[in-house]
Structures are given as structure tokens and as C-alpha cells.
Amino acid sequence: MRQLTYFVAATIDGFIAGPNGSDPSGPDGFFVAEGGHMEAIFADYPDIIPAPVRTALNTHPENKVFDTVVEGRGSYEVGLRAGVTNAYPHLRHYVFSRTMTQAPDPSVELVSTDPVETVRELKGEDGKKIWLCGGARLASTLRSEIDELIVKLHPVVAGAGIPLFDGEFSPQRFTLSETRRYDSGVLHLTYRKQ
């Protein structure tokens, strides 16, 4: 059975984006953009590198960890606002939305049905891990299906914004399985579901 991994950047106070949902890793973003943590992502998780970055750097590595990406409409629209209709054409790409009626890109599959049911079907297929790249509402809906949580913890306090999970209070324990610290002050914390 395949695993669902929520691999996401967050501030010390648990926010993945500012209140308006703009890209926290973009030119006006607040996440740390330089340092050893970026080299580690390129080496260990090349699958999460968006197509525009791959093109700019003239690098097209094979998928190492993931072959599928799932995200909510809000996360997907961050790319759309930048003119990117599919940031991950090298992955099977699913966008969950009850309001979008047509995908702006034929290689993106829009799903309007139950995310939990869809992810369970994907987990039952052969292949690499499934990457949940955002957002907070989808992460909350899929929380029972998350097998692994990798938080790229940035040395930033935002004060407000979109939280890591946006749902009801329902504590769930995870076990810390790996910690990596980088010169940039970023920590990569890997948790597994208990």
C-alpha cells in the first residue's frame, strides 16, 4: 500500500501561508529561500521541484519519492495566479475542488468527489508515495489518511495566516522519526503516524 505524505513548509507558529494565501516561497514571500535545506530538497526530493524551476535550472531529474501529487483548489490557484497551469507535469496531478468545473490544463485531474475515498483508491495502486502539497483544508480532510508528515520548519514567526491544518479540534499523535538541521536555520522534521 502506498503512503500519503504531507510535505509542507511552515513557520515556527504553524502557518503555511499568509492570510491572503499568497505564495510564501515567492519573491515577496517570507520563507527562507537559500541555504543547505534547498540543496537537500533538490537531492532527496527532486519530485517536488516545480516545472518552472526545473526549466530555469535545466534539470529534469527522475521521480525519486513521489509519482502523484494531490492539492486543494487554493494551493493550485497560487500557481494559476503566476500563469502556471500545472506546476508538476512530471507527477500525476489531482486537484480537489467543488467549485472548479474545468481544469485549465488537460494533465491536471479535477476531483469533486470525496477526497478521502479518492486518496484511499490511490493508496491501493502500485507506485511511489503520494504527495499532499496543500492546503490546510484538504490536509484537515485527509488527516486520517496521512501516513507521514514532513514539516520544513522555517525560522519565521508569521503571527497569522493559513495554518498547517484548518479543521476541527481532534488531537492525533505522530512519532518524530527524523530531524535534519540546516545552516539556514530551517529544520526538516519527519513524523510518522502512530
N, C-alpha and C. Protein backbone atom coordinates (compact mmCIF):
# COMPACT_ATOMS: atom_id res chain seq x y z
N MET A 1 0.84 -1.19 0.00
CA MET A 1 0.00 0.00 0.00
C MET A 1 0.88 1.25 0.00
N ARG A 2 0.53 2.19 -0.85
CA ARG A 2 1.29 3.44 -0.93
C ARG A 2 0.98 4.34 0.27
N GLN A 3 1.89 5.27 0.52
CA GLN A 3 1.72 6.21 1.64
C GLN A 3 1.36 7.60 1.15
N LEU A 4 0.61 8.31 1.97
CA LEU A 4 0.32 9.71 1.74
C LEU A 4 1.23 10.53 2.65
N THR A 5 2.02 11.42 2.05
CA THR A 5 2.96 12.26 2.78
C THR A 5 2.56 13.72 2.63
N TYR A 6 2.31 14.37 3.75
CA TYR A 6 2.06 15.81 3.76
C TYR A 6 3.42 16.46 3.95
N PHE A 7 3.99 16.95 2.85
CA PHE A 7 5.32 17.55 2.84
C PHE A 7 5.11 19.04 2.60
N VAL A 8 5.34 19.86 3.64
CA VAL A 8 4.92 21.25 3.58
C VAL A 8 5.85 22.14 4.40
N ALA A 9 6.03 23.36 3.93
CA ALA A 9 6.80 24.35 4.68
C ALA A 9 5.88 25.07 5.66
N ALA A 10 6.42 25.40 6.83
CA ALA A 10 5.62 26.09 7.86
C ALA A 10 6.51 27.02 8.67
N THR A 11 5.88 28.00 9.26
CA THR A 11 6.57 28.91 10.18
C THR A 11 6.64 28.25 11.56
N ILE A 12 7.41 28.85 12.44
CA ILE A 12 7.51 28.34 13.81
C ILE A 12 6.14 28.29 14.48
N ASP A 13 5.29 29.27 14.15
CA ASP A 13 3.96 29.29 14.76
C ASP A 13 2.90 28.56 13.94
N GLY A 14 3.33 27.73 12.98
CA GLY A 14 2.43 26.79 12.34
C GLY A 14 1.64 27.28 11.14
N PHE A 15 2.13 28.31 10.43
CA PHE A 15 1.41 28.80 9.25
C PHE A 15 2.12 28.41 7.97
N ILE A 16 1.33 28.03 6.96
CA ILE A 16 1.90 27.62 5.67
C ILE A 16 1.80 28.73 4.63
N ALA A 17 1.05 29.77 4.92
CA ALA A 17 0.92 30.92 4.02
C ALA A 17 0.37 32.09 4.83
N GLY A 18 0.47 33.27 4.24
CA GLY A 18 -0.09 34.45 4.88
C GLY A 18 -1.61 34.45 4.80
N PRO A 19 -2.25 35.38 5.46
CA PRO A 19 -3.71 35.43 5.49
C PRO A 19 -4.38 35.50 4.12
N ASN A 20 -3.70 36.10 3.13
CA ASN A 20 -4.30 36.23 1.80
C ASN A 20 -4.01 35.03 0.90
N GLY A 21 -3.25 34.05 1.39
CA GLY A 21 -2.97 32.84 0.62
C GLY A 21 -1.92 33.00 -0.45
N SER A 22 -1.18 34.11 -0.45
CA SER A 22 -0.14 34.29 -1.47
C SER A 22 1.01 33.32 -1.23
N ASP A 23 1.84 33.16 -2.24
CA ASP A 23 2.93 32.19 -2.20
C ASP A 23 4.02 32.64 -1.22
N PRO A 24 4.18 31.92 -0.09
CA PRO A 24 5.18 32.32 0.90
C PRO A 24 6.62 32.02 0.47
N SER A 25 6.77 31.27 -0.64
CA SER A 25 8.12 30.99 -1.13
C SER A 25 8.45 31.82 -2.37
N GLY A 26 7.53 32.67 -2.79
CA GLY A 26 7.74 33.52 -3.97
C GLY A 26 8.61 34.71 -3.67
N PRO A 27 8.74 35.60 -4.64
CA PRO A 27 9.62 36.78 -4.49
C PRO A 27 9.27 37.66 -3.29
N ASP A 28 8.00 37.75 -2.95
CA ASP A 28 7.58 38.56 -1.81
C ASP A 28 7.27 37.70 -0.59
N GLY A 29 7.67 36.44 -0.64
CA GLY A 29 7.36 35.51 0.42
C GLY A 29 8.23 35.68 1.65
N PHE A 30 7.88 34.93 2.69
CA PHE A 30 8.61 35.07 3.95
C PHE A 30 9.41 33.82 4.33
N PHE A 31 9.34 32.75 3.52
CA PHE A 31 10.15 31.58 3.80
C PHE A 31 11.59 31.80 3.35
N VAL A 32 12.53 31.13 4.02
CA VAL A 32 13.95 31.22 3.70
C VAL A 32 14.19 30.52 2.37
N ALA A 33 14.79 31.24 1.42
CA ALA A 33 14.96 30.69 0.06
C ALA A 33 16.36 30.18 -0.23
N GLU A 34 17.31 30.45 0.65
CA GLU A 34 18.68 30.00 0.40
C GLU A 34 19.18 29.16 1.57
N GLY A 35 20.13 28.30 1.26
CA GLY A 35 20.76 27.51 2.31
C GLY A 35 20.75 26.03 2.01
N GLY A 36 21.35 25.29 2.90
CA GLY A 36 21.50 23.85 2.73
C GLY A 36 20.20 23.09 2.60
N HIS A 37 19.12 23.62 3.16
CA HIS A 37 17.84 22.92 3.06
C HIS A 37 17.37 22.84 1.61
N MET A 38 17.70 23.84 0.80
CA MET A 38 17.31 23.81 -0.61
C MET A 38 18.11 22.73 -1.35
N GLU A 39 19.39 22.63 -1.05
CA GLU A 39 20.21 21.60 -1.67
C GLU A 39 19.69 20.21 -1.31
N ALA A 40 19.26 20.04 -0.06
CA ALA A 40 18.74 18.75 0.38
C ALA A 40 17.45 18.39 -0.36
N ILE A 41 16.59 19.38 -0.58
CA ILE A 41 15.35 19.12 -1.33
C ILE A 41 15.68 18.68 -2.74
N PHE A 42 16.60 19.38 -3.40
CA PHE A 42 16.98 19.01 -4.76
C PHE A 42 17.58 17.61 -4.81
N ALA A 43 18.34 17.24 -3.80
CA ALA A 43 18.97 15.92 -3.78
C ALA A 43 18.02 14.81 -3.36
N ASP A 44 17.23 15.07 -2.31
CA ASP A 44 16.42 14.00 -1.73
C ASP A 44 14.98 13.95 -2.23
N TYR A 45 14.45 15.08 -2.62
CA TYR A 45 13.05 15.16 -3.07
C TYR A 45 12.93 15.95 -4.37
N PRO A 46 13.62 15.52 -5.44
CA PRO A 46 13.56 16.29 -6.68
C PRO A 46 12.15 16.33 -7.28
N ASP A 47 11.31 15.39 -6.87
CA ASP A 47 9.94 15.30 -7.40
C ASP A 47 9.11 16.53 -7.06
N ILE A 48 9.43 17.23 -5.96
CA ILE A 48 8.61 18.37 -5.56
C ILE A 48 9.07 19.68 -6.17
N ILE A 49 10.08 19.63 -7.02
CA ILE A 49 10.57 20.84 -7.67
C ILE A 49 9.62 21.17 -8.81
N PRO A 50 9.00 22.35 -8.77
CA PRO A 50 8.03 22.71 -9.81
C PRO A 50 8.67 22.83 -11.20
N ALA A 51 7.86 22.60 -12.21
CA ALA A 51 8.33 22.63 -13.60
C ALA A 51 9.03 23.94 -13.97
N PRO A 52 8.51 25.11 -13.58
CA PRO A 52 9.22 26.34 -13.96
C PRO A 52 10.65 26.41 -13.39
N VAL A 53 10.84 25.89 -12.20
CA VAL A 53 12.19 25.87 -11.60
C VAL A 53 13.06 24.86 -12.33
N ARG A 54 12.50 23.70 -12.66
CA ARG A 54 13.25 22.70 -13.42
C ARG A 54 13.72 23.28 -14.75
N THR A 55 12.82 23.98 -15.42
CA THR A 55 13.15 24.57 -16.72
C THR A 55 14.23 25.64 -16.56
N ALA A 56 14.08 26.51 -15.58
CA ALA A 56 15.05 27.59 -15.36
C ALA A 56 16.44 27.04 -15.05
N LEU A 57 16.50 25.93 -14.33
CA LEU A 57 17.78 25.34 -13.94
C LEU A 57 18.25 24.27 -14.93
N ASN A 58 17.44 24.03 -15.95
CA ASN A 58 17.74 23.00 -16.95
C ASN A 58 18.06 21.65 -16.29
N THR A 59 17.19 21.27 -15.36
CA THR A 59 17.33 19.98 -14.68
C THR A 59 15.99 19.26 -14.71
N HIS A 60 16.04 18.00 -15.04
CA HIS A 60 14.81 17.21 -15.13
C HIS A 60 15.05 15.83 -14.53
N PRO A 61 15.26 15.79 -13.20
CA PRO A 61 15.55 14.50 -12.56
C PRO A 61 14.34 13.58 -12.55
N GLU A 62 14.61 12.30 -12.47
CA GLU A 62 13.54 11.32 -12.37
C GLU A 62 12.88 11.42 -11.00
N ASN A 63 11.63 10.99 -10.94
CA ASN A 63 10.93 10.97 -9.66
C ASN A 63 11.59 9.95 -8.75
N LYS A 64 11.90 10.40 -7.56
CA LYS A 64 12.62 9.57 -6.59
C LYS A 64 11.70 9.03 -5.50
N VAL A 65 10.79 9.86 -4.99
CA VAL A 65 9.96 9.52 -3.84
C VAL A 65 8.48 9.47 -4.21
N PHE A 66 8.03 10.45 -4.99
CA PHE A 66 6.61 10.60 -5.30
C PHE A 66 6.35 10.41 -6.80
N ASP A 67 5.16 9.90 -7.12
CA ASP A 67 4.73 9.88 -8.52
C ASP A 67 3.35 10.52 -8.68
N THR A 68 2.78 10.97 -7.56
CA THR A 68 1.44 11.56 -7.57
C THR A 68 1.42 12.74 -6.60
N VAL A 69 0.73 13.81 -7.00
CA VAL A 69 0.56 14.96 -6.12
C VAL A 69 -0.93 15.27 -6.01
N VAL A 70 -1.38 15.57 -4.80
CA VAL A 70 -2.76 16.00 -4.56
C VAL A 70 -2.72 17.35 -3.85
N GLU A 71 -3.65 18.22 -4.25
CA GLU A 71 -3.72 19.52 -3.61
C GLU A 71 -5.13 20.07 -3.71
N GLY A 72 -5.41 21.04 -2.85
CA GLY A 72 -6.69 21.71 -2.87
C GLY A 72 -6.71 22.84 -3.88
N ARG A 73 -7.88 23.36 -4.14
CA ARG A 73 -8.05 24.44 -5.11
C ARG A 73 -7.23 25.68 -4.75
N GLY A 74 -7.24 26.05 -3.46
CA GLY A 74 -6.50 27.24 -3.04
C GLY A 74 -5.01 27.14 -3.33
N SER A 75 -4.42 26.00 -3.05
CA SER A 75 -2.99 25.80 -3.34
C SER A 75 -2.73 25.82 -4.84
N TYR A 76 -3.61 25.17 -5.57
CA TYR A 76 -3.48 25.12 -7.03
C TYR A 76 -3.55 26.53 -7.63
N GLU A 77 -4.42 27.35 -7.09
CA GLU A 77 -4.60 28.70 -7.63
C GLU A 77 -3.39 29.61 -7.39
N VAL A 78 -2.52 29.26 -6.44
CA VAL A 78 -1.28 30.03 -6.27
C VAL A 78 -0.48 29.97 -7.57
N GLY A 79 -0.38 28.77 -8.14
CA GLY A 79 0.31 28.62 -9.42
C GLY A 79 -0.43 29.29 -10.56
N LEU A 80 -1.74 29.14 -10.58
CA LEU A 80 -2.54 29.76 -11.65
C LEU A 80 -2.34 31.27 -11.69
N ARG A 81 -2.28 31.90 -10.51
CA ARG A 81 -2.08 33.35 -10.47
C ARG A 81 -0.73 33.74 -11.07
N ALA A 82 0.22 32.80 -11.05
CA ALA A 82 1.54 33.05 -11.64
C ALA A 82 1.60 32.59 -13.09
N GLY A 83 0.47 32.13 -13.63
CA GLY A 83 0.43 31.69 -15.02
C GLY A 83 0.85 30.24 -15.23
N VAL A 84 0.93 29.47 -14.16
CA VAL A 84 1.35 28.06 -14.24
C VAL A 84 0.11 27.18 -14.09
N THR A 85 -0.26 26.47 -15.14
CA THR A 85 -1.46 25.63 -15.10
C THR A 85 -1.19 24.24 -14.53
N ASN A 86 0.06 23.80 -14.58
CA ASN A 86 0.45 22.53 -13.96
C ASN A 86 1.90 22.64 -13.51
N ALA A 87 2.11 22.89 -12.24
CA ALA A 87 3.46 23.02 -11.70
C ALA A 87 4.19 21.69 -11.64
N TYR A 88 3.44 20.58 -11.73
CA TYR A 88 4.05 19.26 -11.56
C TYR A 88 3.64 18.30 -12.68
N PRO A 89 3.97 18.61 -13.94
CA PRO A 89 3.59 17.71 -15.03
C PRO A 89 4.31 16.37 -14.99
N HIS A 90 5.37 16.27 -14.21
CA HIS A 90 6.12 15.03 -14.06
C HIS A 90 5.48 14.09 -13.04
N LEU A 91 4.37 14.52 -12.41
CA LEU A 91 3.62 13.72 -11.45
C LEU A 91 2.17 13.61 -11.92
N ARG A 92 1.48 12.54 -11.52
CA ARG A 92 0.03 12.52 -11.70
C ARG A 92 -0.51 13.60 -10.77
N HIS A 93 -1.32 14.49 -11.30
CA HIS A 93 -1.70 15.69 -10.56
C HIS A 93 -3.21 15.74 -10.36
N TYR A 94 -3.65 15.72 -9.11
CA TYR A 94 -5.06 15.79 -8.75
C TYR A 94 -5.31 17.06 -7.97
N VAL A 95 -6.36 17.79 -8.36
CA VAL A 95 -6.78 18.99 -7.65
C VAL A 95 -8.21 18.76 -7.17
N PHE A 96 -8.41 18.93 -5.86
CA PHE A 96 -9.73 18.73 -5.27
C PHE A 96 -10.45 20.07 -5.20
N SER A 97 -11.61 20.12 -5.81
CA SER A 97 -12.42 21.34 -5.80
C SER A 97 -13.87 21.00 -6.08
N ARG A 98 -14.75 21.64 -5.35
CA ARG A 98 -16.18 21.50 -5.62
C ARG A 98 -16.70 22.67 -6.44
N THR A 99 -15.84 23.68 -6.67
CA THR A 99 -16.29 24.87 -7.38
C THR A 99 -15.71 24.98 -8.79
N MET A 100 -14.54 24.45 -9.04
CA MET A 100 -13.97 24.49 -10.39
C MET A 100 -14.70 23.47 -11.25
N THR A 101 -15.05 23.86 -12.46
CA THR A 101 -15.78 22.94 -13.33
C THR A 101 -14.91 22.36 -14.43
N GLN A 102 -13.77 22.99 -14.69
CA GLN A 102 -12.87 22.51 -15.73
C GLN A 102 -11.44 22.85 -15.35
N ALA A 103 -10.54 21.89 -15.54
CA ALA A 103 -9.12 22.12 -15.26
C ALA A 103 -8.52 22.98 -16.37
N PRO A 104 -7.75 24.00 -16.02
CA PRO A 104 -7.10 24.83 -17.03
C PRO A 104 -6.00 24.09 -17.81
N ASP A 105 -5.66 22.89 -17.36
CA ASP A 105 -4.61 22.10 -18.01
C ASP A 105 -5.12 20.67 -18.15
N PRO A 106 -5.01 20.08 -19.35
CA PRO A 106 -5.52 18.72 -19.54
C PRO A 106 -4.78 17.65 -18.73
N SER A 107 -3.57 17.96 -18.25
CA SER A 107 -2.82 16.97 -17.47
C SER A 107 -3.13 17.04 -15.97
N VAL A 108 -4.02 17.95 -15.59
CA VAL A 108 -4.46 18.06 -14.20
C VAL A 108 -5.86 17.47 -14.10
N GLU A 109 -6.03 16.55 -13.16
CA GLU A 109 -7.34 15.93 -12.98
C GLU A 109 -8.08 16.61 -11.84
N LEU A 110 -9.23 17.19 -12.16
CA LEU A 110 -10.09 17.81 -11.15
C LEU A 110 -10.93 16.72 -10.50
N VAL A 111 -11.02 16.76 -9.17
CA VAL A 111 -11.82 15.80 -8.43
C VAL A 111 -12.80 16.57 -7.56
N SER A 112 -14.08 16.30 -7.75
CA SER A 112 -15.11 16.98 -6.96
C SER A 112 -15.75 16.04 -5.95
N THR A 113 -15.34 14.78 -5.97
CA THR A 113 -15.90 13.80 -5.04
C THR A 113 -15.08 13.76 -3.75
N ASP A 114 -15.39 12.85 -2.88
CA ASP A 114 -14.77 12.73 -1.56
C ASP A 114 -13.25 12.53 -1.65
N PRO A 115 -12.46 13.47 -1.11
CA PRO A 115 -11.00 13.33 -1.15
C PRO A 115 -10.50 12.07 -0.45
N VAL A 116 -11.12 11.70 0.67
CA VAL A 116 -10.67 10.51 1.42
C VAL A 116 -10.83 9.26 0.55
N GLU A 117 -11.95 9.13 -0.10
CA GLU A 117 -12.21 7.97 -0.95
C GLU A 117 -11.20 7.93 -2.11
N THR A 118 -10.97 9.07 -2.73
CA THR A 118 -10.02 9.14 -3.84
C THR A 118 -8.62 8.77 -3.39
N VAL A 119 -8.17 9.31 -2.26
CA VAL A 119 -6.82 9.01 -1.77
C VAL A 119 -6.70 7.55 -1.39
N ARG A 120 -7.73 6.97 -0.81
CA ARG A 120 -7.69 5.54 -0.49
C ARG A 120 -7.53 4.70 -1.75
N GLU A 121 -8.21 5.11 -2.83
CA GLU A 121 -8.05 4.40 -4.10
C GLU A 121 -6.63 4.53 -4.62
N LEU A 122 -6.08 5.75 -4.55
CA LEU A 122 -4.70 5.97 -5.00
C LEU A 122 -3.71 5.17 -4.16
N LYS A 123 -3.95 5.11 -2.87
CA LYS A 123 -3.05 4.36 -1.99
C LYS A 123 -3.07 2.87 -2.31
N GLY A 124 -4.18 2.38 -2.85
CA GLY A 124 -4.29 0.97 -3.19
C GLY A 124 -3.60 0.58 -4.49
N GLU A 125 -3.18 1.57 -5.26
CA GLU A 125 -2.48 1.31 -6.52
C GLU A 125 -0.99 1.06 -6.27
N ASP A 126 -0.33 0.49 -7.25
CA ASP A 126 1.12 0.34 -7.19
C ASP A 126 1.76 1.68 -7.53
N GLY A 127 2.92 1.92 -6.97
CA GLY A 127 3.65 3.13 -7.31
C GLY A 127 4.40 3.69 -6.12
N LYS A 128 4.90 4.89 -6.33
CA LYS A 128 5.65 5.60 -5.29
C LYS A 128 4.66 6.28 -4.34
N LYS A 129 5.20 7.04 -3.39
CA LYS A 129 4.36 7.75 -2.43
C LYS A 129 3.52 8.84 -3.10
N ILE A 130 2.48 9.26 -2.39
CA ILE A 130 1.58 10.32 -2.83
C ILE A 130 1.92 11.56 -2.00
N TRP A 131 2.12 12.68 -2.67
CA TRP A 131 2.49 13.92 -2.01
C TRP A 131 1.26 14.82 -1.86
N LEU A 132 0.92 15.12 -0.63
CA LEU A 132 -0.09 16.13 -0.32
C LEU A 132 0.67 17.43 -0.16
N CYS A 133 0.52 18.34 -1.15
CA CYS A 133 1.32 19.58 -1.08
C CYS A 133 0.54 20.74 -0.49
N GLY A 134 -0.72 20.60 -0.25
CA GLY A 134 -1.52 21.65 0.37
C GLY A 134 -2.95 21.53 -0.12
N GLY A 135 -3.79 22.25 0.47
CA GLY A 135 -3.68 23.21 1.52
C GLY A 135 -4.24 22.73 2.84
N ALA A 136 -4.48 23.68 3.69
CA ALA A 136 -4.85 23.42 5.07
C ALA A 136 -6.19 22.69 5.21
N ARG A 137 -7.17 23.09 4.41
CA ARG A 137 -8.49 22.41 4.50
C ARG A 137 -8.41 20.99 3.99
N LEU A 138 -7.71 20.79 2.86
CA LEU A 138 -7.56 19.43 2.33
C LEU A 138 -6.76 18.57 3.29
N ALA A 139 -5.72 19.13 3.88
CA ALA A 139 -4.91 18.38 4.86
C ALA A 139 -5.77 17.97 6.04
N SER A 140 -6.63 18.85 6.47
CA SER A 140 -7.52 18.51 7.58
C SER A 140 -8.48 17.40 7.18
N THR A 141 -9.05 17.48 5.97
CA THR A 141 -9.96 16.44 5.49
C THR A 141 -9.25 15.10 5.37
N LEU A 142 -7.99 15.12 4.95
CA LEU A 142 -7.23 13.88 4.72
C LEU A 142 -6.40 13.45 5.92
N ARG A 143 -6.56 14.11 7.03
CA ARG A 143 -5.68 13.84 8.18
C ARG A 143 -5.64 12.37 8.57
N SER A 144 -6.76 11.68 8.51
CA SER A 144 -6.79 10.26 8.88
C SER A 144 -6.00 9.40 7.90
N GLU A 145 -5.75 9.91 6.70
CA GLU A 145 -5.02 9.17 5.67
C GLU A 145 -3.54 9.51 5.60
N ILE A 146 -3.12 10.53 6.32
CA ILE A 146 -1.71 10.95 6.28
C ILE A 146 -0.86 9.95 7.06
N ASP A 147 0.08 9.33 6.34
CA ASP A 147 0.97 8.35 6.96
C ASP A 147 2.26 8.99 7.45
N GLU A 148 2.65 10.07 6.78
CA GLU A 148 3.92 10.73 7.07
C GLU A 148 3.71 12.23 6.93
N LEU A 149 4.29 12.98 7.85
CA LEU A 149 4.21 14.42 7.84
C LEU A 149 5.64 14.96 7.87
N ILE A 150 6.03 15.65 6.81
CA ILE A 150 7.36 16.26 6.75
C ILE A 150 7.16 17.77 6.77
N VAL A 151 7.60 18.39 7.86
CA VAL A 151 7.47 19.83 8.02
C VAL A 151 8.83 20.47 7.79
N LYS A 152 8.87 21.36 6.80
CA LYS A 152 10.07 22.17 6.57
C LYS A 152 9.86 23.42 7.43
N LEU A 153 10.36 23.37 8.65
CA LEU A 153 10.11 24.42 9.64
C LEU A 153 11.09 25.58 9.44
N HIS A 154 10.54 26.73 9.05
CA HIS A 154 11.36 27.91 8.77
C HIS A 154 11.47 28.78 10.02
N PRO A 155 12.61 29.43 10.21
CA PRO A 155 12.83 30.25 11.41
C PRO A 155 12.13 31.60 11.28
N VAL A 156 10.81 31.54 11.17
CA VAL A 156 9.98 32.72 10.96
C VAL A 156 8.74 32.60 11.84
N VAL A 157 8.33 33.68 12.44
CA VAL A 157 7.03 33.75 13.12
C VAL A 157 6.16 34.67 12.28
N ALA A 158 5.02 34.17 11.83
CA ALA A 158 4.13 34.95 10.96
C ALA A 158 3.08 35.72 11.74
N GLY A 159 2.63 35.18 12.87
CA GLY A 159 1.63 35.86 13.67
C GLY A 159 0.20 35.54 13.28
N ALA A 160 -0.02 35.30 11.99
CA ALA A 160 -1.36 34.95 11.49
C ALA A 160 -1.18 34.38 10.09
N GLY A 161 -2.21 33.73 9.60
CA GLY A 161 -2.15 33.19 8.26
C GLY A 161 -2.94 31.91 8.13
N ILE A 162 -2.59 31.13 7.13
CA ILE A 162 -3.25 29.85 6.88
C ILE A 162 -2.48 28.79 7.67
N PRO A 163 -3.17 28.06 8.56
CA PRO A 163 -2.49 27.09 9.42
C PRO A 163 -2.13 25.80 8.67
N LEU A 164 -1.29 25.01 9.28
CA LEU A 164 -0.89 23.72 8.74
C LEU A 164 -2.11 22.84 8.48
N PHE A 165 -3.05 22.84 9.39
CA PHE A 165 -4.33 22.14 9.26
C PHE A 165 -5.44 23.13 9.60
N ASP A 166 -6.50 23.13 8.82
CA ASP A 166 -7.61 24.03 9.08
C ASP A 166 -8.87 23.18 9.24
N GLY A 167 -9.10 22.74 10.46
CA GLY A 167 -10.25 21.87 10.72
C GLY A 167 -10.63 21.91 12.17
N GLU A 168 -11.36 20.92 12.56
CA GLU A 168 -11.85 20.87 13.94
C GLU A 168 -10.79 20.32 14.89
N PHE A 169 -10.94 20.62 16.16
CA PHE A 169 -10.04 20.14 17.19
C PHE A 169 -10.21 18.63 17.34
N SER A 170 -9.12 17.89 17.10
CA SER A 170 -9.14 16.43 17.20
C SER A 170 -7.70 15.95 17.25
N PRO A 171 -7.07 15.97 18.44
CA PRO A 171 -5.65 15.63 18.55
C PRO A 171 -5.33 14.24 18.02
N GLN A 172 -4.20 14.15 17.34
CA GLN A 172 -3.71 12.90 16.77
C GLN A 172 -2.21 12.87 16.97
N ARG A 173 -1.68 11.75 17.47
CA ARG A 173 -0.25 11.65 17.77
C ARG A 173 0.54 11.15 16.58
N PHE A 174 1.70 11.73 16.41
CA PHE A 174 2.68 11.30 15.42
C PHE A 174 3.99 11.07 16.15
N THR A 175 4.84 10.23 15.59
CA THR A 175 6.15 9.94 16.16
C THR A 175 7.22 10.61 15.32
N LEU A 176 8.10 11.38 15.96
CA LEU A 176 9.20 12.02 15.26
C LEU A 176 10.20 10.94 14.86
N SER A 177 10.45 10.79 13.56
CA SER A 177 11.35 9.74 13.09
C SER A 177 12.67 10.26 12.54
N GLU A 178 12.70 11.55 12.18
CA GLU A 178 13.94 12.11 11.66
C GLU A 178 13.94 13.62 11.83
N THR A 179 15.12 14.16 12.15
CA THR A 179 15.31 15.60 12.26
C THR A 179 16.57 15.98 11.49
N ARG A 180 16.44 16.97 10.63
CA ARG A 180 17.60 17.47 9.91
C ARG A 180 17.66 18.99 10.08
N ARG A 181 18.82 19.48 10.48
CA ARG A 181 19.01 20.91 10.73
C ARG A 181 19.95 21.46 9.68
N TYR A 182 19.63 22.66 9.17
CA TYR A 182 20.44 23.26 8.11
C TYR A 182 20.98 24.61 8.54
N ASP A 183 22.05 25.03 7.85
CA ASP A 183 22.71 26.29 8.16
C ASP A 183 21.79 27.49 8.03
N SER A 184 20.73 27.36 7.28
CA SER A 184 19.76 28.44 7.09
C SER A 184 18.84 28.63 8.29
N GLY A 185 18.92 27.70 9.25
CA GLY A 185 18.02 27.72 10.40
C GLY A 185 16.76 26.92 10.17
N VAL A 186 16.61 26.38 8.96
CA VAL A 186 15.44 25.55 8.63
C VAL A 186 15.66 24.15 9.19
N LEU A 187 14.60 23.58 9.73
CA LEU A 187 14.60 22.20 10.18
C LEU A 187 13.67 21.39 9.30
N HIS A 188 14.06 20.18 8.95
CA HIS A 188 13.15 19.24 8.31
C HIS A 188 12.80 18.20 9.36
N LEU A 189 11.53 18.18 9.74
CA LEU A 189 11.04 17.28 10.78
C LEU A 189 10.13 16.24 10.14
N THR A 190 10.49 14.97 10.26
CA THR A 190 9.69 13.90 9.68
C THR A 190 8.98 13.16 10.79
N TYR A 191 7.66 13.10 10.67
CA TYR A 191 6.80 12.42 11.64
C TYR A 191 6.06 11.28 10.95
N ARG A 192 5.84 10.21 11.67
CA ARG A 192 5.04 9.10 11.15
C ARG A 192 3.82 8.91 12.06
N LYS A 193 2.73 8.50 11.44
CA LYS A 193 1.50 8.28 12.20
C LYS A 193 1.71 7.12 13.16
N GLN A 194 1.22 7.29 14.40
CA GLN A 194 1.35 6.22 15.41
C GLN A 194 0.33 5.16 15.16
